[in-house]
Structures are given as C-alpha cells and as structure tokens.
PDB file of N, CA and C in Angstrom:
ATOM      1  N   MET A   1     -17.509 -13.026  28.377  1.00  0.00           N
ATOM      2  CA  MET A   1     -15.979 -12.735  27.892  1.00  0.00           C
ATOM      3  C   MET A   1     -15.406 -11.463  27.968  1.00  0.00           C
ATOM      4  N   VAL A   2     -14.369 -10.950  28.357  1.00  0.00           N
ATOM      5  CA  VAL A   2     -13.836  -9.925  28.593  1.00  0.00           C
ATOM      6  C   VAL A   2     -13.190  -9.268  27.477  1.00  0.00           C
ATOM      7  N   SER A   3     -13.552  -7.948  27.202  1.00  0.00           N
ATOM      8  CA  SER A   3     -12.884  -7.348  26.102  1.00  0.00           C
ATOM      9  C   SER A   3     -11.701  -6.946  26.116  1.00  0.00           C
ATOM     10  N   GLN A   4     -10.548  -7.105  25.234  1.00  0.00           N
ATOM     11  CA  GLN A   4      -9.191  -6.800  25.482  1.00  0.00           C
ATOM     12  C   GLN A   4      -8.441  -6.168  24.487  1.00  0.00           C
ATOM     13  N   CYS A   5      -8.925  -4.759  24.359  1.00  0.00           N
ATOM     14  CA  CYS A   5      -8.656  -3.997  23.577  1.00  0.00           C
ATOM     15  C   CYS A   5      -8.407  -2.790  23.958  1.00  0.00           C
ATOM     16  N   ALA A   6      -7.036  -2.391  23.840  1.00  0.00           N
ATOM     17  CA  ALA A   6      -6.406  -1.305  24.030  1.00  0.00           C
ATOM     18  C   ALA A   6      -6.604  -0.072  23.472  1.00  0.00           C
ATOM     19  N   ILE A   7      -7.251   0.164  22.532  1.00  0.00           N
ATOM     20  CA  ILE A   7      -7.877   1.193  21.862  1.00  0.00           C
ATOM     21  C   ILE A   7      -8.341   2.588  22.538  1.00  0.00           C
ATOM     22  N   PRO A   8      -9.312   1.936  23.495  1.00  0.00           N
ATOM     23  CA  PRO A   8     -10.162   3.113  24.219  1.00  0.00           C
ATOM     24  C   PRO A   8      -8.984   3.736  25.312  1.00  0.00           C
ATOM     25  N   VAL A   9      -8.250   3.154  25.607  1.00  0.00           N
ATOM     26  CA  VAL A   9      -7.278   3.572  26.577  1.00  0.00           C
ATOM     27  C   VAL A   9      -6.027   4.319  26.073  1.00  0.00           C
ATOM     28  N   PHE A  10      -6.176   4.282  24.792  1.00  0.00           N
ATOM     29  CA  PHE A  10      -5.225   5.589  24.303  1.00  0.00           C
ATOM     30  C   PHE A  10      -5.863   6.428  23.285  1.00  0.00           C
ATOM     31  N   ASP A  11      -7.127   5.947  23.121  1.00  0.00           N
ATOM     32  CA  ASP A  11      -7.957   7.384  22.480  1.00  0.00           C
ATOM     33  C   ASP A  11      -7.972   8.683  23.303  1.00  0.00           C
ATOM     34  N   GLY A  12      -7.350   9.637  22.467  1.00  0.00           N
ATOM     35  CA  GLY A  12      -7.169  10.996  23.300  1.00  0.00           C
ATOM     36  C   GLY A  12      -6.025  11.219  24.155  1.00  0.00           C
ATOM     37  N   LEU A  13      -5.388  10.288  24.116  1.00  0.00           N
ATOM     38  CA  LEU A  13      -3.864  10.444  25.205  1.00  0.00           C
ATOM     39  C   LEU A  13      -3.310  11.353  24.805  1.00  0.00           C
ATOM     40  N   PHE A  14      -2.908  11.087  23.042  1.00  0.00           N
ATOM     41  CA  PHE A  14      -2.036  12.264  22.783  1.00  0.00           C
ATOM     42  C   PHE A  14      -2.751  13.309  21.866  1.00  0.00           C
ATOM     43  N   PHE A  15      -2.169  14.377  21.789  1.00  0.00           N
ATOM     44  CA  PHE A  15      -2.734  15.583  21.260  1.00  0.00           C
ATOM     45  C   PHE A  15      -2.664  15.395  19.873  1.00  0.00           C
ATOM     46  N   GLU A  16      -3.882  16.193  18.949  1.00  0.00           N
ATOM     47  CA  GLU A  16      -3.872  15.866  17.543  1.00  0.00           C
ATOM     48  C   GLU A  16      -2.509  16.350  16.684  1.00  0.00           C
ATOM     49  N   HIS A  17      -1.497  17.074  17.535  1.00  0.00           N
ATOM     50  CA  HIS A  17      -0.440  17.714  16.968  1.00  0.00           C
ATOM     51  C   HIS A  17       0.851  16.480  17.270  1.00  0.00           C
ATOM     52  N   HIS A  18       0.243  15.674  18.249  1.00  0.00           N
ATOM     53  CA  HIS A  18       1.331  14.472  18.190  1.00  0.00           C
ATOM     54  C   HIS A  18       0.668  13.166  17.493  1.00  0.00           C
ATOM     55  N   ASN A  19      -0.024  13.605  16.628  1.00  0.00           N
ATOM     56  CA  ASN A  19      -0.583  12.740  15.867  1.00  0.00           C
ATOM     57  C   ASN A  19      -1.434  11.681  16.385  1.00  0.00           C
ATOM     58  N   ASN A  20      -2.786  11.875  17.227  1.00  0.00           N
ATOM     59  CA  ASN A  20      -3.388  10.497  17.967  1.00  0.00           C
ATOM     60  C   ASN A  20      -4.296  10.027  16.868  1.00  0.00           C
ATOM     61  N   THR A  21      -4.432  10.448  15.672  1.00  0.00           N
ATOM     62  CA  THR A  21      -5.181   9.540  14.808  1.00  0.00           C
ATOM     63  C   THR A  21      -4.195   8.455  14.383  1.00  0.00           C
ATOM     64  N   LEU A  22      -2.851   9.112  14.121  1.00  0.00           N
ATOM     65  CA  LEU A  22      -1.716   7.966  13.899  1.00  0.00           C
ATOM     66  C   LEU A  22      -1.408   6.849  14.607  1.00  0.00           C
ATOM     67  N   VAL A  23      -1.508   7.322  15.865  1.00  0.00           N
ATOM     68  CA  VAL A  23      -1.507   6.180  17.146  1.00  0.00           C
ATOM     69  C   VAL A  23      -2.740   5.307  17.163  1.00  0.00           C
ATOM     70  N   MET A  24      -3.786   6.026  16.883  1.00  0.00           N
ATOM     71  CA  MET A  24      -5.049   5.068  16.692  1.00  0.00           C
ATOM     72  C   MET A  24      -5.191   4.385  15.554  1.00  0.00           C
ATOM     73  N   ASP A  25      -4.826   5.017  14.270  1.00  0.00           N
ATOM     74  CA  ASP A  25      -4.334   3.514  13.022  1.00  0.00           C
ATOM     75  C   ASP A  25      -3.451   2.660  13.482  1.00  0.00           C
ATOM     76  N   LEU A  26      -2.346   2.766  14.311  1.00  0.00           N
ATOM     77  CA  LEU A  26      -1.287   1.722  14.521  1.00  0.00           C
ATOM     78  C   LEU A  26      -1.939   1.080  15.422  1.00  0.00           C
ATOM     79  N   LEU A  27      -2.762   1.302  16.559  1.00  0.00           N
ATOM     80  CA  LEU A  27      -3.132   0.363  17.686  1.00  0.00           C
ATOM     81  C   LEU A  27      -4.076  -0.374  16.760  1.00  0.00           C
ATOM     82  N   PHE A  28      -5.097   0.053  15.919  1.00  0.00           N
ATOM     83  CA  PHE A  28      -6.153  -1.058  15.135  1.00  0.00           C
ATOM     84  C   PHE A  28      -5.219  -1.865  14.212  1.00  0.00           C
ATOM     85  N   GLU A  29      -4.268  -1.371  13.676  1.00  0.00           N
ATOM     86  CA  GLU A  29      -3.247  -2.589  12.651  1.00  0.00           C
ATOM     87  C   GLU A  29      -2.936  -3.719  13.600  1.00  0.00           C
ATOM     88  N   LEU A  30      -2.481  -3.090  14.616  1.00  0.00           N
ATOM     89  CA  LEU A  30      -1.641  -3.939  15.944  1.00  0.00           C
ATOM     90  C   LEU A  30      -2.793  -5.168  16.034  1.00  0.00           C
ATOM     91  N   ALA A  31      -4.004  -4.763  16.393  1.00  0.00           N
ATOM     92  CA  ALA A  31      -5.065  -5.419  16.955  1.00  0.00           C
ATOM     93  C   ALA A  31      -5.559  -6.298  15.746  1.00  0.00           C
ATOM     94  N   THR A  32      -5.471  -5.871  14.547  1.00  0.00           N
ATOM     95  CA  THR A  32      -5.834  -6.628  13.436  1.00  0.00           C
ATOM     96  C   THR A  32      -4.951  -7.747  12.991  1.00  0.00           C
ATOM     97  N   TRP A  33      -3.829  -7.770  13.193  1.00  0.00           N
ATOM     98  CA  TRP A  33      -2.684  -8.639  12.973  1.00  0.00           C
ATOM     99  C   TRP A  33      -2.865  -9.358  13.970  1.00  0.00           C
ATOM    100  N   HIS A  34      -2.960  -9.218  15.274  1.00  0.00           N
ATOM    101  CA  HIS A  34      -2.762 -10.011  16.224  1.00  0.00           C
ATOM    102  C   HIS A  34      -4.005 -10.868  16.001  1.00  0.00           C
ATOM    103  N   ALA A  35      -5.063 -10.681  15.803  1.00  0.00           N
ATOM    104  CA  ALA A  35      -6.455 -11.438  15.505  1.00  0.00           C
ATOM    105  C   ALA A  35      -6.294 -12.580  14.417  1.00  0.00           C
ATOM    106  N   PHE A  36      -5.785 -12.083  13.264  1.00  0.00           N
ATOM    107  CA  PHE A  36      -5.211 -13.248  12.262  1.00  0.00           C
ATOM    108  C   PHE A  36      -4.414 -13.918  12.892  1.00  0.00           C
ATOM    109  N   ALA A  37      -3.343 -12.955  13.388  1.00  0.00           N
ATOM    110  CA  ALA A  37      -2.160 -14.305  13.747  1.00  0.00           C
ATOM    111  C   ALA A  37      -2.214 -15.202  14.894  1.00  0.00           C
ATOM    112  N   LYS A  38      -3.352 -15.186  15.814  1.00  0.00           N
ATOM    113  CA  LYS A  38      -3.521 -16.072  16.537  1.00  0.00           C
ATOM    114  C   LYS A  38      -4.831 -17.228  16.243  1.00  0.00           C
ATOM    115  N   LEU A  39      -5.300 -16.833  14.866  1.00  0.00           N
ATOM    116  CA  LEU A  39      -6.150 -18.154  14.823  1.00  0.00           C
ATOM    117  C   LEU A  39      -5.415 -19.413  14.535  1.00  0.00           C
ATOM    118  N   ARG A  40      -6.031 -20.116  15.167  1.00  0.00           N
ATOM    119  CA  ARG A  40      -5.624 -21.858  15.245  1.00  0.00           C
ATOM    120  C   ARG A  40      -5.575 -22.624  13.882  1.00  0.00           C
ATOM    121  N   LEU A  41      -6.582 -22.210  13.070  1.00  0.00           N
ATOM    122  CA  LEU A  41      -6.745 -22.854  11.831  1.00  0.00           C
ATOM    123  C   LEU A  41      -7.157 -21.680  10.589  1.00  0.00           C
ATOM    124  N   HIS A  42      -6.367 -21.711   9.436  1.00  0.00           N
ATOM    125  CA  HIS A  42      -6.180 -20.896   8.731  1.00  0.00           C
ATOM    126  C   HIS A  42      -6.815 -21.219   7.483  1.00  0.00           C
ATOM    127  N   ALA A  43      -7.839 -20.620   6.647  1.00  0.00           N
ATOM    128  CA  ALA A  43      -7.888 -20.972   5.316  1.00  0.00           C
ATOM    129  C   ALA A  43      -7.204 -20.294   4.367  1.00  0.00           C
ATOM    130  N   GLU A  44      -7.291 -20.412   2.904  1.00  0.00           N
ATOM    131  CA  GLU A  44      -6.659 -19.334   2.285  1.00  0.00           C
ATOM    132  C   GLU A  44      -7.035 -17.813   2.147  1.00  0.00           C
ATOM    133  N   SER A  45      -8.192 -17.643   2.523  1.00  0.00           N
ATOM    134  CA  SER A  45      -8.878 -16.355   2.526  1.00  0.00           C
ATOM    135  C   SER A  45      -8.005 -15.482   4.056  1.00  0.00           C
ATOM    136  N   THR A  46      -7.985 -16.128   5.229  1.00  0.00           N
ATOM    137  CA  THR A  46      -7.628 -15.666   5.906  1.00  0.00           C
ATOM    138  C   THR A  46      -5.998 -15.603   6.207  1.00  0.00           C
ATOM    139  N   VAL A  47      -4.896 -16.621   4.922  1.00  0.00           N
ATOM    140  CA  VAL A  47      -3.850 -16.440   5.218  1.00  0.00           C
ATOM    141  C   VAL A  47      -3.633 -15.023   4.235  1.00  0.00           C
ATOM    142  N   ARG A  48      -4.540 -14.758   3.131  1.00  0.00           N
ATOM    143  CA  ARG A  48      -4.367 -13.614   2.543  1.00  0.00           C
ATOM    144  C   ARG A  48      -4.647 -12.029   3.081  1.00  0.00           C
ATOM    145  N   ALA A  49      -5.525 -12.807   4.263  1.00  0.00           N
ATOM    146  CA  ALA A  49      -5.902 -11.440   4.832  1.00  0.00           C
ATOM    147  C   ALA A  49      -4.808 -11.258   5.936  1.00  0.00           C
ATOM    148  N   LEU A  50      -4.123 -11.879   6.481  1.00  0.00           N
ATOM    149  CA  LEU A  50      -3.157 -11.817   7.338  1.00  0.00           C
ATOM    150  C   LEU A  50      -1.971 -11.256   6.675  1.00  0.00           C
ATOM    151  N   GLU A  51      -1.653 -11.822   5.298  1.00  0.00           N
ATOM    152  CA  GLU A  51      -0.541 -11.277   4.655  1.00  0.00           C
ATOM    153  C   GLU A  51      -0.862  -9.759   4.231  1.00  0.00           C
ATOM    154  N   THR A  52      -2.173  -9.260   3.927  1.00  0.00           N
ATOM    155  CA  THR A  52      -2.434  -8.027   3.867  1.00  0.00           C
ATOM    156  C   THR A  52      -2.255  -7.276   5.184  1.00  0.00           C
ATOM    157  N   SER A  53      -2.698  -7.971   6.028  1.00  0.00           N
ATOM    158  CA  SER A  53      -2.420  -7.075   7.513  1.00  0.00           C
ATOM    159  C   SER A  53      -1.168  -6.617   7.791  1.00  0.00           C
ATOM    160  N   THR A  54      -0.525  -7.616   7.598  1.00  0.00           N
ATOM    161  CA  THR A  54       1.148  -7.443   7.880  1.00  0.00           C
ATOM    162  C   THR A  54       1.866  -6.424   6.931  1.00  0.00           C
ATOM    163  N   THR A  55       1.276  -6.245   5.905  1.00  0.00           N
ATOM    164  CA  THR A  55       2.060  -5.258   4.800  1.00  0.00           C
ATOM    165  C   THR A  55       1.349  -4.064   5.378  1.00  0.00           C
ATOM    166  N   ARG A  56       0.129  -3.687   5.771  1.00  0.00           N
ATOM    167  CA  ARG A  56      -0.584  -2.473   6.480  1.00  0.00           C
ATOM    168  C   ARG A  56       0.012  -2.339   7.593  1.00  0.00           C
ATOM    169  N   LEU A  57       0.388  -3.162   8.493  1.00  0.00           N
ATOM    170  CA  LEU A  57       1.143  -3.127   9.821  1.00  0.00           C
ATOM    171  C   LEU A  57       2.738  -2.558   9.471  1.00  0.00           C
ATOM    172  N   GLY A  58       3.112  -3.101   8.745  1.00  0.00           N
ATOM    173  CA  GLY A  58       4.648  -2.433   8.335  1.00  0.00           C
ATOM    174  C   GLY A  58       4.772  -1.158   7.991  1.00  0.00           C
ATOM    175  N   THR A  59       3.495  -0.826   7.084  1.00  0.00           N
ATOM    176  CA  THR A  59       3.461   0.634   6.712  1.00  0.00           C
ATOM    177  C   THR A  59       3.000   1.515   7.903  1.00  0.00           C
ATOM    178  N   ALA A  60       1.965   0.994   8.687  1.00  0.00           N
ATOM    179  CA  ALA A  60       1.859   1.905   9.976  1.00  0.00           C
ATOM    180  C   ALA A  60       3.028   2.140  10.718  1.00  0.00           C
ATOM    181  N   LEU A  61       3.840   1.502  11.098  1.00  0.00           N
ATOM    182  CA  LEU A  61       4.948   0.974  12.169  1.00  0.00           C
ATOM    183  C   LEU A  61       6.006   2.396  11.235  1.00  0.00           C
ATOM    184  N   ARG A  62       6.018   2.060  10.028  1.00  0.00           N
ATOM    185  CA  ARG A  62       7.448   2.823   9.469  1.00  0.00           C
ATOM    186  C   ARG A  62       6.876   4.131   9.768  1.00  0.00           C
ATOM    187  N   LYS A  63       5.478   4.493   9.199  1.00  0.00           N
ATOM    188  CA  LYS A  63       4.945   5.948   9.672  1.00  0.00           C
ATOM    189  C   LYS A  63       5.182   6.478  11.223  1.00  0.00           C
ATOM    190  N   PHE A  64       4.641   5.651  11.900  1.00  0.00           N
ATOM    191  CA  PHE A  64       5.067   5.903  13.517  1.00  0.00           C
ATOM    192  C   PHE A  64       6.353   6.067  13.782  1.00  0.00           C
ATOM    193  N   GLN A  65       7.141   5.415  13.331  1.00  0.00           N
ATOM    194  CA  GLN A  65       8.714   5.586  13.633  1.00  0.00           C
ATOM    195  C   GLN A  65       9.166   6.926  13.038  1.00  0.00           C
ATOM    196  N   SER A  66       8.861   7.250  11.539  1.00  0.00           N
ATOM    197  CA  SER A  66       9.189   8.529  10.948  1.00  0.00           C
ATOM    198  C   SER A  66       8.676   9.978  11.587  1.00  0.00           C
ATOM    199  N   THR A  67       7.406   9.586  12.085  1.00  0.00           N
ATOM    200  CA  THR A  67       6.644  10.707  12.770  1.00  0.00           C
ATOM    201  C   THR A  67       6.474  10.978  13.983  1.00  0.00           C
ATOM    202  N   ILE A  68       6.267   9.993  14.807  1.00  0.00           N
ATOM    203  CA  ILE A  68       5.801  10.237  16.014  1.00  0.00           C
ATOM    204  C   ILE A  68       7.409   9.900  16.704  1.00  0.00           C
ATOM    205  N   CYS A  69       8.282   9.174  16.581  1.00  0.00           N
ATOM    206  CA  CYS A  69       9.305   8.587  17.419  1.00  0.00           C
ATOM    207  C   CYS A  69      10.329   9.691  17.329  1.00  0.00           C
ATOM    208  N   THR A  70      10.013  10.626  16.202  1.00  0.00           N
ATOM    209  CA  THR A  70      11.101  11.895  16.194  1.00  0.00           C
ATOM    210  C   THR A  70      10.721  12.975  17.050  1.00  0.00           C
ATOM    211  N   GLU A  71       9.525  12.869  17.791  1.00  0.00           N
ATOM    212  CA  GLU A  71       9.051  13.891  18.762  1.00  0.00           C
ATOM    213  C   GLU A  71       9.510  13.875  20.148  1.00  0.00           C
ATOM    214  N   PHE A  72       9.458  12.649  20.519  1.00  0.00           N
ATOM    215  CA  PHE A  72       9.810  12.105  21.759  1.00  0.00           C
ATOM    216  C   PHE A  72      11.245  11.537  22.198  1.00  0.00           C
ATOM    217  N   VAL A  73      11.738  11.748  23.319  1.00  0.00           N
ATOM    218  CA  VAL A  73      13.277  11.206  23.561  1.00  0.00           C
ATOM    219  C   VAL A  73      12.706  10.179  24.340  1.00  0.00           C
ATOM    220  N   THR A  74      12.869   9.126  23.871  1.00  0.00           N
ATOM    221  CA  THR A  74      12.938   8.118  24.782  1.00  0.00           C
ATOM    222  C   THR A  74      13.681   6.755  25.009  1.00  0.00           C
TER     223      THR A  74
END
C-alpha cells in the first residue's frame, strides 16, 4: 500500500514566523476529516468523530485564513 500523506512534503516548508506549526495542524485536520469522510459505512461513533473533526477543521481553516492568508499576496 502506498502512503498518501502530504504532511511530510510541507514539513519545514514555511519558516516558523510564517506559522509552520499552524500549517502542519491544518494539514493534520484536513487529513483526519478526509479519512472519516471517505468511510463507506459509519457507526454512531464515527459520525460523532466526523462531526468533531468538522468543527476542528473549521476552526483551523478560520485561523489559517486570519493568520497566514494575510501574510501572502495570492
């Protein structure tokens, strides 16, 4: 099986003053949400975990938008 994780690719790409940790946290939340979302069969516990993951992802995206996006012209 081939690993398909983007986190090692981005690790260290940004300087810490550009919040490398924040980028790594966002990538982790995206990967976690994606793993739950692509499950073909959910139990009550996985639905709750997906809901929690969605909340954490939203928080991470808003933090990314307010912190990182203001530092770069894209």
